[in-house]
Full PDB file with SEQRES, HELIX, SHEET, SSBOND, CRYST1, ORIGX, SCALE, CONECT and MASTER records, all heavy atoms in Angstrom:
SEQRES   1 A   38  VAL ILE VAL GLY GLY ILE LEU ALA VAL GLU MET VAL ALA          
SEQRES   2 A   38  VAL ILE GLY GLU ARG THR PHE GLY ALA ALA THR ARG PRO          
SEQRES   3 A   38  ARG PRO VAL PRO ALA ASP TYR SER ASN THR ARG GLU              
HELIX    1 AA1 ILE A    2  PHE A   20  1                                  19    
CRYST1    1.000    1.000    1.000  90.00  90.00  90.00 P 1           1          
ORIGX1      1.000000  0.000000  0.000000        0.00000                         
ORIGX2      0.000000  1.000000  0.000000        0.00000                         
ORIGX3      0.000000  0.000000  1.000000        0.00000                         
SCALE1      1.000000  0.000000  0.000000        0.00000                         
SCALE2      0.000000  1.000000  0.000000        0.00000                         
SCALE3      0.000000  0.000000  1.000000        0.00000                         
ATOM      1  N   VAL A   1     103.983 107.146  91.323  1.00  0.00           N  
ATOM      2  CA  VAL A   1     103.423 106.734  92.612  1.00  0.00           C  
ATOM      3  C   VAL A   1     101.920 106.485  92.496  1.00  0.00           C  
ATOM      4  O   VAL A   1     101.387 105.511  93.054  1.00  0.00           O  
ATOM      5  CB  VAL A   1     103.726 107.809  93.678  1.00  0.00           C  
ATOM      6  CG1 VAL A   1     102.929 107.553  94.942  1.00  0.00           C  
ATOM      7  CG2 VAL A   1     105.208 107.839  93.988  1.00  0.00           C  
ATOM      8  N   ILE A   2     101.224 107.318  91.721  1.00  0.00           N  
ATOM      9  CA  ILE A   2      99.785 107.132  91.538  1.00  0.00           C  
ATOM     10  C   ILE A   2      99.496 105.818  90.814  1.00  0.00           C  
ATOM     11  O   ILE A   2      98.645 105.018  91.239  1.00  0.00           O  
ATOM     12  CB  ILE A   2      99.184 108.335  90.773  1.00  0.00           C  
ATOM     13  CG1 ILE A   2      99.229 109.588  91.652  1.00  0.00           C  
ATOM     14  CG2 ILE A   2      97.752 108.043  90.339  1.00  0.00           C  
ATOM     15  CD1 ILE A   2      98.858 110.857  90.925  1.00  0.00           C  
ATOM     16  N   VAL A   3     100.220 105.565  89.713  1.00  0.00           N  
ATOM     17  CA  VAL A   3     100.012 104.323  88.961  1.00  0.00           C  
ATOM     18  C   VAL A   3     100.374 103.110  89.812  1.00  0.00           C  
ATOM     19  O   VAL A   3      99.645 102.108  89.843  1.00  0.00           O  
ATOM     20  CB  VAL A   3     100.824 104.350  87.650  1.00  0.00           C  
ATOM     21  CG1 VAL A   3     100.778 103.000  86.953  1.00  0.00           C  
ATOM     22  CG2 VAL A   3     100.309 105.430  86.718  1.00  0.00           C  
ATOM     23  N   GLY A   4     101.489 103.183  90.551  1.00  0.00           N  
ATOM     24  CA  GLY A   4     101.874 102.074  91.426  1.00  0.00           C  
ATOM     25  C   GLY A   4     100.855 101.823  92.522  1.00  0.00           C  
ATOM     26  O   GLY A   4     100.572 100.673  92.875  1.00  0.00           O  
ATOM     27  N   GLY A   5     100.289 102.908  93.077  1.00  0.00           N  
ATOM     28  CA  GLY A   5      99.259 102.748  94.095  1.00  0.00           C  
ATOM     29  C   GLY A   5      98.002 102.083  93.562  1.00  0.00           C  
ATOM     30  O   GLY A   5      97.415 101.212  94.222  1.00  0.00           O  
ATOM     31  N   ILE A   6      97.594 102.475  92.361  1.00  0.00           N  
ATOM     32  CA  ILE A   6      96.413 101.846  91.737  1.00  0.00           C  
ATOM     33  C   ILE A   6      96.660 100.364  91.504  1.00  0.00           C  
ATOM     34  O   ILE A   6      95.803  99.512  91.792  1.00  0.00           O  
ATOM     35  CB  ILE A   6      96.052 102.570  90.433  1.00  0.00           C  
ATOM     36  CG1 ILE A   6      95.559 103.987  90.730  1.00  0.00           C  
ATOM     37  CG2 ILE A   6      94.991 101.804  89.656  1.00  0.00           C  
ATOM     38  CD1 ILE A   6      95.371 104.846  89.504  1.00  0.00           C  
ATOM     39  N   LEU A   7      97.857 100.016  91.007  1.00  0.00           N  
ATOM     40  CA  LEU A   7      98.182  98.602  90.784  1.00  0.00           C  
ATOM     41  C   LEU A   7      98.192  97.829  92.097  1.00  0.00           C  
ATOM     42  O   LEU A   7      97.703  96.694  92.169  1.00  0.00           O  
ATOM     43  CB  LEU A   7      99.544  98.488  90.088  1.00  0.00           C  
ATOM     44  CG  LEU A   7      99.604  98.907  88.622  1.00  0.00           C  
ATOM     45  CD1 LEU A   7     101.034  98.872  88.110  1.00  0.00           C  
ATOM     46  CD2 LEU A   7      98.726  98.011  87.774  1.00  0.00           C  
ATOM     47  N   ALA A   8      98.732  98.432  93.150  1.00  0.00           N  
ATOM     48  CA  ALA A   8      98.768  97.748  94.449  1.00  0.00           C  
ATOM     49  C   ALA A   8      97.352  97.518  94.987  1.00  0.00           C  
ATOM     50  O   ALA A   8      97.054  96.432  95.505  1.00  0.00           O  
ATOM     51  CB  ALA A   8      99.593  98.566  95.439  1.00  0.00           C  
ATOM     52  N   VAL A   9      96.476  98.521  94.846  1.00  0.00           N  
ATOM     53  CA  VAL A   9      95.092  98.357  95.305  1.00  0.00           C  
ATOM     54  C   VAL A   9      94.391  97.246  94.524  1.00  0.00           C  
ATOM     55  O   VAL A   9      93.663  96.421  95.095  1.00  0.00           O  
ATOM     56  CB  VAL A   9      94.338  99.700  95.185  1.00  0.00           C  
ATOM     57  CG1 VAL A   9      92.839  99.507  95.376  1.00  0.00           C  
ATOM     58  CG2 VAL A   9      94.873 100.690  96.207  1.00  0.00           C  
ATOM     59  N   GLU A  10      94.601  97.208  93.208  1.00  0.00           N  
ATOM     60  CA  GLU A  10      93.979  96.156  92.396  1.00  0.00           C  
ATOM     61  C   GLU A  10      94.477  94.774  92.804  1.00  0.00           C  
ATOM     62  O   GLU A  10      93.688  93.823  92.912  1.00  0.00           O  
ATOM     63  CB  GLU A  10      94.261  96.404  90.914  1.00  0.00           C  
ATOM     64  CG  GLU A  10      93.528  97.609  90.343  1.00  0.00           C  
ATOM     65  CD  GLU A  10      93.905  97.870  88.907  1.00  0.00           C  
ATOM     66  OE1 GLU A  10      94.848  97.218  88.405  1.00  0.00           O  
ATOM     67  OE2 GLU A  10      93.253  98.717  88.280  1.00  0.00           O  
ATOM     68  N   MET A  11      95.782  94.640  93.043  1.00  0.00           N  
ATOM     69  CA  MET A  11      96.325  93.335  93.429  1.00  0.00           C  
ATOM     70  C   MET A  11      95.809  92.904  94.798  1.00  0.00           C  
ATOM     71  O   MET A  11      95.471  91.736  95.001  1.00  0.00           O  
ATOM     72  CB  MET A  11      97.856  93.385  93.420  1.00  0.00           C  
ATOM     73  CG  MET A  11      98.429  93.430  92.014  1.00  0.00           C  
ATOM     74  SD  MET A  11     100.197  93.734  91.883  1.00  0.00           S  
ATOM     75  CE  MET A  11     100.890  92.819  93.170  1.00  0.00           C  
ATOM     76  N   VAL A  12      95.725  93.846  95.735  1.00  0.00           N  
ATOM     77  CA  VAL A  12      95.197  93.507  97.063  1.00  0.00           C  
ATOM     78  C   VAL A  12      93.724  93.106  96.959  1.00  0.00           C  
ATOM     79  O   VAL A  12      93.268  92.170  97.631  1.00  0.00           O  
ATOM     80  CB  VAL A  12      95.386  94.701  98.025  1.00  0.00           C  
ATOM     81  CG1 VAL A  12      94.572  94.508  99.293  1.00  0.00           C  
ATOM     82  CG2 VAL A  12      96.854  94.862  98.363  1.00  0.00           C  
ATOM     83  N   ALA A  13      92.974  93.783  96.074  1.00  0.00           N  
ATOM     84  CA  ALA A  13      91.553  93.435  95.913  1.00  0.00           C  
ATOM     85  C   ALA A  13      91.395  92.029  95.355  1.00  0.00           C  
ATOM     86  O   ALA A  13      90.560  91.247  95.821  1.00  0.00           O  
ATOM     87  CB  ALA A  13      90.870  94.450  94.995  1.00  0.00           C  
ATOM     88  N   VAL A  14      92.226  91.681  94.363  1.00  0.00           N  
ATOM     89  CA  VAL A  14      92.118  90.349  93.765  1.00  0.00           C  
ATOM     90  C   VAL A  14      92.571  89.276  94.748  1.00  0.00           C  
ATOM     91  O   VAL A  14      91.879  88.271  94.968  1.00  0.00           O  
ATOM     92  CB  VAL A  14      92.944  90.278  92.461  1.00  0.00           C  
ATOM     93  CG1 VAL A  14      93.031  88.854  91.956  1.00  0.00           C  
ATOM     94  CG2 VAL A  14      92.330  91.168  91.408  1.00  0.00           C  
ATOM     95  N   ILE A  15      93.733  89.473  95.372  1.00  0.00           N  
ATOM     96  CA  ILE A  15      94.249  88.466  96.301  1.00  0.00           C  
ATOM     97  C   ILE A  15      93.383  88.395  97.556  1.00  0.00           C  
ATOM     98  O   ILE A  15      93.119  87.317  98.091  1.00  0.00           O  
ATOM     99  CB  ILE A  15      95.715  88.776  96.650  1.00  0.00           C  
ATOM    100  CG1 ILE A  15      96.581  88.649  95.403  1.00  0.00           C  
ATOM    101  CG2 ILE A  15      96.224  87.853  97.741  1.00  0.00           C  
ATOM    102  CD1 ILE A  15      98.010  89.091  95.590  1.00  0.00           C  
ATOM    103  N   GLY A  16      92.912  89.548  98.051  1.00  0.00           N  
ATOM    104  CA  GLY A  16      92.071  89.557  99.243  1.00  0.00           C  
ATOM    105  C   GLY A  16      90.752  88.853  99.018  1.00  0.00           C  
ATOM    106  O   GLY A  16      90.244  88.160  99.899  1.00  0.00           O  
ATOM    107  N   GLU A  17      90.177  88.998  97.831  1.00  0.00           N  
ATOM    108  CA  GLU A  17      88.911  88.318  97.529  1.00  0.00           C  
ATOM    109  C   GLU A  17      89.115  86.811  97.500  1.00  0.00           C  
ATOM    110  O   GLU A  17      88.271  86.056  97.953  1.00  0.00           O  
ATOM    111  CB  GLU A  17      88.378  88.825  96.182  1.00  0.00           C  
ATOM    112  CG  GLU A  17      86.952  88.420  95.863  1.00  0.00           C  
ATOM    113  CD  GLU A  17      86.878  87.072  95.180  1.00  0.00           C  
ATOM    114  OE1 GLU A  17      87.843  86.694  94.497  1.00  0.00           O  
ATOM    115  OE2 GLU A  17      85.857  86.384  95.347  1.00  0.00           O  
ATOM    116  N   ARG A  18      90.274  86.379  97.006  1.00  0.00           N  
ATOM    117  CA  ARG A  18      90.533  84.941  96.977  1.00  0.00           C  
ATOM    118  C   ARG A  18      90.863  84.412  98.369  1.00  0.00           C  
ATOM    119  O   ARG A  18      90.497  83.297  98.727  1.00  0.00           O  
ATOM    120  CB  ARG A  18      91.708  84.641  96.039  1.00  0.00           C  
ATOM    121  CG  ARG A  18      91.374  84.760  94.583  1.00  0.00           C  
ATOM    122  CD  ARG A  18      92.552  84.345  93.751  1.00  0.00           C  
ATOM    123  NE  ARG A  18      92.286  84.512  92.338  1.00  0.00           N  
ATOM    124  CZ  ARG A  18      93.201  84.377  91.392  1.00  0.00           C  
ATOM    125  NH1 ARG A  18      94.441  84.093  91.729  1.00  0.00           N  
ATOM    126  NH2 ARG A  18      92.884  84.534  90.134  1.00  0.00           N  
ATOM    127  N   THR A  19      91.585  85.222  99.155  1.00  0.00           N  
ATOM    128  CA  THR A  19      92.041  84.745 100.461  1.00  0.00           C  
ATOM    129  C   THR A  19      90.960  84.858 101.521  1.00  0.00           C  
ATOM    130  O   THR A  19      90.719  83.918 102.279  1.00  0.00           O  
ATOM    131  CB  THR A  19      93.283  85.545 100.899  1.00  0.00           C  
ATOM    132  OG1 THR A  19      94.263  85.468  99.868  1.00  0.00           O  
ATOM    133  CG2 THR A  19      93.857  84.995 102.179  1.00  0.00           C  
ATOM    134  N   PHE A  20      90.303  86.022 101.574  1.00  0.00           N  
ATOM    135  CA  PHE A  20      89.357  86.279 102.651  1.00  0.00           C  
ATOM    136  C   PHE A  20      87.904  86.111 102.224  1.00  0.00           C  
ATOM    137  O   PHE A  20      87.009  86.212 103.047  1.00  0.00           O  
ATOM    138  CB  PHE A  20      89.557  87.689 103.199  1.00  0.00           C  
ATOM    139  CG  PHE A  20      90.966  87.951 103.638  1.00  0.00           C  
ATOM    140  CD1 PHE A  20      91.761  88.836 102.949  1.00  0.00           C  
ATOM    141  CD2 PHE A  20      91.494  87.280 104.736  1.00  0.00           C  
ATOM    142  CE1 PHE A  20      93.061  89.069 103.352  1.00  0.00           C  
ATOM    143  CE2 PHE A  20      92.794  87.515 105.137  1.00  0.00           C  
ATOM    144  CZ  PHE A  20      93.592  88.404 104.443  1.00  0.00           C  
ATOM    145  N   GLY A  21      87.672  85.889 100.932  1.00  0.00           N  
ATOM    146  CA  GLY A  21      86.300  85.721 100.464  1.00  0.00           C  
ATOM    147  C   GLY A  21      85.797  84.315 100.724  1.00  0.00           C  
ATOM    148  O   GLY A  21      86.360  83.537 101.511  1.00  0.00           O  
ATOM    149  N   ALA A  22      84.729  83.998 100.029  1.00  0.00           N  
ATOM    150  CA  ALA A  22      84.145  82.664 100.187  1.00  0.00           C  
ATOM    151  C   ALA A  22      85.117  81.631  99.641  1.00  0.00           C  
ATOM    152  O   ALA A  22      85.673  81.787  98.566  1.00  0.00           O  
ATOM    153  CB  ALA A  22      82.817  82.589  99.439  1.00  0.00           C  
ATOM    154  N   ALA A  23      85.328  80.595 100.420  1.00  0.00           N  
ATOM    155  CA  ALA A  23      86.256  79.548 100.009  1.00  0.00           C  
ATOM    156  C   ALA A  23      85.655  78.760  98.850  1.00  0.00           C  
ATOM    157  O   ALA A  23      84.582  78.175  98.975  1.00  0.00           O  
ATOM    158  CB  ALA A  23      86.557  78.623 101.185  1.00  0.00           C  
ATOM    159  N   THR A  24      86.349  78.782  97.729  1.00  0.00           N  
ATOM    160  CA  THR A  24      85.893  78.035  96.556  1.00  0.00           C  
ATOM    161  C   THR A  24      86.881  76.920  96.284  1.00  0.00           C  
ATOM    162  O   THR A  24      88.085  77.156  96.174  1.00  0.00           O  
ATOM    163  CB  THR A  24      85.799  78.958  95.324  1.00  0.00           C  
ATOM    164  OG1 THR A  24      87.073  79.568  95.113  1.00  0.00           O  
ATOM    165  CG2 THR A  24      84.754  80.043  95.543  1.00  0.00           C  
ATOM    166  N   ARG A  25      86.373  75.749  96.186  1.00  0.00           N  
ATOM    167  CA  ARG A  25      87.220  74.594  95.909  1.00  0.00           C  
ATOM    168  C   ARG A  25      87.465  74.497  94.410  1.00  0.00           C  
ATOM    169  O   ARG A  25      86.549  74.692  93.613  1.00  0.00           O  
ATOM    170  CB  ARG A  25      86.530  73.318  96.378  1.00  0.00           C  
ATOM    171  CG  ARG A  25      86.317  73.280  97.858  1.00  0.00           C  
ATOM    172  CD  ARG A  25      87.525  72.752  98.536  1.00  0.00           C  
ATOM    173  NE  ARG A  25      87.336  72.666  99.964  1.00  0.00           N  
ATOM    174  CZ  ARG A  25      88.318  72.495 100.805  1.00  0.00           C  
ATOM    175  NH1 ARG A  25      89.539  72.412 100.357  1.00  0.00           N  
ATOM    176  NH2 ARG A  25      88.100  72.427 102.087  1.00  0.00           N  
ATOM    177  N   PRO A  26      88.704  74.203  93.987  1.00  0.00           N  
ATOM    178  CA  PRO A  26      88.930  74.001  92.557  1.00  0.00           C  
ATOM    179  C   PRO A  26      88.220  72.735  92.085  1.00  0.00           C  
ATOM    180  O   PRO A  26      88.099  71.753  92.823  1.00  0.00           O  
ATOM    181  CB  PRO A  26      90.449  73.868  92.447  1.00  0.00           C  
ATOM    182  CG  PRO A  26      90.905  73.478  93.803  1.00  0.00           C  
ATOM    183  CD  PRO A  26      89.923  74.075  94.766  1.00  0.00           C  
ATOM    184  N   ARG A  27      87.753  72.795  90.857  1.00  0.00           N  
ATOM    185  CA  ARG A  27      87.024  71.640  90.338  1.00  0.00           C  
ATOM    186  C   ARG A  27      87.979  70.473  90.139  1.00  0.00           C  
ATOM    187  O   ARG A  27      89.137  70.659  89.758  1.00  0.00           O  
ATOM    188  CB  ARG A  27      86.326  71.984  89.025  1.00  0.00           C  
ATOM    189  CG  ARG A  27      87.252  72.361  87.899  1.00  0.00           C  
ATOM    190  CD  ARG A  27      86.460  72.723  86.661  1.00  0.00           C  
ATOM    191  NE  ARG A  27      87.330  73.125  85.572  1.00  0.00           N  
ATOM    192  CZ  ARG A  27      87.872  72.302  84.697  1.00  0.00           C  
ATOM    193  NH1 ARG A  27      87.643  70.998  84.798  1.00  0.00           N  
ATOM    194  NH2 ARG A  27      88.641  72.750  83.722  1.00  0.00           N  
ATOM    195  N   PRO A  28      87.526  69.261  90.394  1.00  0.00           N  
ATOM    196  CA  PRO A  28      88.404  68.096  90.198  1.00  0.00           C  
ATOM    197  C   PRO A  28      88.679  67.888  88.716  1.00  0.00           C  
ATOM    198  O   PRO A  28      87.828  68.132  87.858  1.00  0.00           O  
ATOM    199  CB  PRO A  28      87.596  66.936  90.793  1.00  0.00           C  
ATOM    200  CG  PRO A  28      86.177  67.396  90.759  1.00  0.00           C  
ATOM    201  CD  PRO A  28      86.202  68.889  90.902  1.00  0.00           C  
ATOM    202  N   VAL A  29      89.879  67.440  88.425  1.00  0.00           N  
ATOM    203  CA  VAL A  29      90.282  67.210  87.037  1.00  0.00           C  
ATOM    204  C   VAL A  29      90.628  65.746  86.865  1.00  0.00           C  
ATOM    205  O   VAL A  29      91.061  65.076  87.819  1.00  0.00           O  
ATOM    206  CB  VAL A  29      91.479  68.104  86.648  1.00  0.00           C  
ATOM    207  CG1 VAL A  29      91.083  69.574  86.665  1.00  0.00           C  
ATOM    208  CG2 VAL A  29      92.659  67.878  87.575  1.00  0.00           C  
ATOM    209  N   PRO A  30      90.445  65.204  85.665  1.00  0.00           N  
ATOM    210  CA  PRO A  30      90.799  63.799  85.441  1.00  0.00           C  
ATOM    211  C   PRO A  30      92.309  63.593  85.465  1.00  0.00           C  
ATOM    212  O   PRO A  30      93.091  64.541  85.443  1.00  0.00           O  
ATOM    213  CB  PRO A  30      90.210  63.507  84.045  1.00  0.00           C  
ATOM    214  CG  PRO A  30      90.060  64.832  83.400  1.00  0.00           C  
ATOM    215  CD  PRO A  30      89.800  65.812  84.501  1.00  0.00           C  
ATOM    216  N   ALA A  31      92.706  62.345  85.497  1.00  0.00           N  
ATOM    217  CA  ALA A  31      94.131  62.013  85.607  1.00  0.00           C  
ATOM    218  C   ALA A  31      94.916  62.413  84.369  1.00  0.00           C  
ATOM    219  O   ALA A  31      96.098  62.754  84.462  1.00  0.00           O  
ATOM    220  CB  ALA A  31      94.289  60.509  85.865  1.00  0.00           C  
ATOM    221  N   ASP A  32      94.279  62.372  83.182  1.00  0.00           N  
ATOM    222  CA  ASP A  32      94.994  62.715  81.953  1.00  0.00           C  
ATOM    223  C   ASP A  32      94.836  64.194  81.593  1.00  0.00           C  
ATOM    224  O   ASP A  32      95.019  64.577  80.441  1.00  0.00           O  
ATOM    225  CB  ASP A  32      94.494  61.839  80.797  1.00  0.00           C  
ATOM    226  CG  ASP A  32      92.998  62.043  80.535  1.00  0.00           C  
ATOM    227  OD1 ASP A  32      92.307  62.597  81.419  1.00  0.00           O  
ATOM    228  OD2 ASP A  32      92.540  61.641  79.447  1.00  0.00           O  
ATOM    229  N   TYR A  33      94.517  65.045  82.574  1.00  0.00           N  
ATOM    230  CA  TYR A  33      94.323  66.478  82.319  1.00  0.00           C  
ATOM    231  C   TYR A  33      95.660  67.135  81.999  1.00  0.00           C  
ATOM    232  O   TYR A  33      96.666  66.884  82.657  1.00  0.00           O  
ATOM    233  CB  TYR A  33      93.687  67.141  83.534  1.00  0.00           C  
ATOM    234  CG  TYR A  33      93.522  68.638  83.400  1.00  0.00           C  
ATOM    235  CD1 TYR A  33      92.489  69.183  82.664  1.00  0.00           C  
ATOM    236  CD2 TYR A  33      94.428  69.506  84.025  1.00  0.00           C  
ATOM    237  CE1 TYR A  33      92.340  70.549  82.550  1.00  0.00           C  
ATOM    238  CE2 TYR A  33      94.287  70.871  83.917  1.00  0.00           C  
ATOM    239  CZ  TYR A  33      93.235  71.390  83.180  1.00  0.00           C  
ATOM    240  OH  TYR A  33      93.097  72.742  83.064  1.00  0.00           O  
ATOM    241  N   SER A  34      95.666  67.998  80.975  1.00  0.00           N  
ATOM    242  CA  SER A  34      96.870  68.722  80.587  1.00  0.00           C  
ATOM    243  C   SER A  34      96.555  70.211  80.557  1.00  0.00           C  
ATOM    244  O   SER A  34      95.689  70.645  79.791  1.00  0.00           O  
ATOM    245  CB  SER A  34      97.352  68.259  79.209  1.00  0.00           C  
ATOM    246  OG  SER A  34      98.390  69.087  78.742  1.00  0.00           O  
ATOM    247  N   ASN A  35      97.243  70.966  81.400  1.00  0.00           N  
ATOM    248  CA  ASN A  35      96.986  72.401  81.395  1.00  0.00           C  
ATOM    249  C   ASN A  35      97.479  73.058  80.114  1.00  0.00           C  
ATOM    250  O   ASN A  35      96.958  74.090  79.703  1.00  0.00           O  
ATOM    251  CB  ASN A  35      97.602  73.073  82.628  1.00  0.00           C  
ATOM    252  CG  ASN A  35      99.087  72.832  82.732  1.00  0.00           C  
ATOM    253  OD1 ASN A  35      99.693  72.255  81.839  1.00  0.00           O  
ATOM    254  ND2 ASN A  35      99.669  73.265  83.833  1.00  0.00           N  
ATOM    255  N   THR A  36      98.481  72.460  79.447  1.00  0.00           N  
ATOM    256  CA  THR A  36      98.951  73.000  78.165  1.00  0.00           C  
ATOM    257  C   THR A  36      97.872  72.863  77.102  1.00  0.00           C  
ATOM    258  O   THR A  36      97.610  73.807  76.341  1.00  0.00           O  
ATOM    259  CB  THR A  36     100.230  72.266  77.734  1.00  0.00           C  
ATOM    260  OG1 THR A  36     101.196  72.343  78.781  1.00  0.00           O  
ATOM    261  CG2 THR A  36     100.789  72.872  76.470  1.00  0.00           C  
ATOM    262  N   ARG A  37      97.220  71.703  77.044  1.00  0.00           N  
ATOM    263  CA  ARG A  37      96.139  71.502  76.078  1.00  0.00           C  
ATOM    264  C   ARG A  37      94.966  72.431  76.364  1.00  0.00           C  
ATOM    265  O   ARG A  37      94.388  73.027  75.459  1.00  0.00           O  
ATOM    266  CB  ARG A  37      95.685  70.040  76.093  1.00  0.00           C  
ATOM    267  CG  ARG A  37      94.664  69.726  75.006  1.00  0.00           C  
ATOM    268  CD  ARG A  37      94.111  68.316  75.110  1.00  0.00           C  
ATOM    269  NE  ARG A  37      95.147  67.307  75.137  1.00  0.00           N  
ATOM    270  CZ  ARG A  37      95.338  66.462  76.152  1.00  0.00           C  
ATOM    271  NH1 ARG A  37      94.555  66.507  77.220  1.00  0.00           N  
ATOM    272  NH2 ARG A  37      96.293  65.568  76.115  1.00  0.00           N  
ATOM    273  N   GLU A  38      94.648  72.589  77.637  1.00  0.00           N  
ATOM    274  CA  GLU A  38      93.539  73.472  78.011  1.00  0.00           C  
ATOM    275  C   GLU A  38      93.863  74.926  77.684  1.00  0.00           C  
ATOM    276  O   GLU A  38      93.011  75.675  77.200  1.00  0.00           O  
ATOM    277  CB  GLU A  38      93.250  73.317  79.500  1.00  0.00           C  
ATOM    278  CG  GLU A  38      92.036  74.052  79.989  1.00  0.00           C  
ATOM    279  CD  GLU A  38      90.742  73.504  79.426  1.00  0.00           C  
ATOM    280  OE1 GLU A  38      90.719  72.335  78.984  1.00  0.00           O  
ATOM    281  OE2 GLU A  38      89.739  74.248  79.419  1.00  0.00           O  
TER     282      GLU A  38                                                      
MASTER        0    0    0    1    0    0    0    6  281    1    0    3          
END                                                                             
C-alpha cells in the first residue's frame, strides 16, 4: 500500500503538472518526421 501510494502520488504530480500547469504547445515537426528514427 505504501509503494502503491507513492506511485499514485508521482503519477498525479506528473499528469497534474501537464494538465493544470502552464500550457505548453508541442513543437511543430516537418512532414517527413519519424518518431522511430528520433
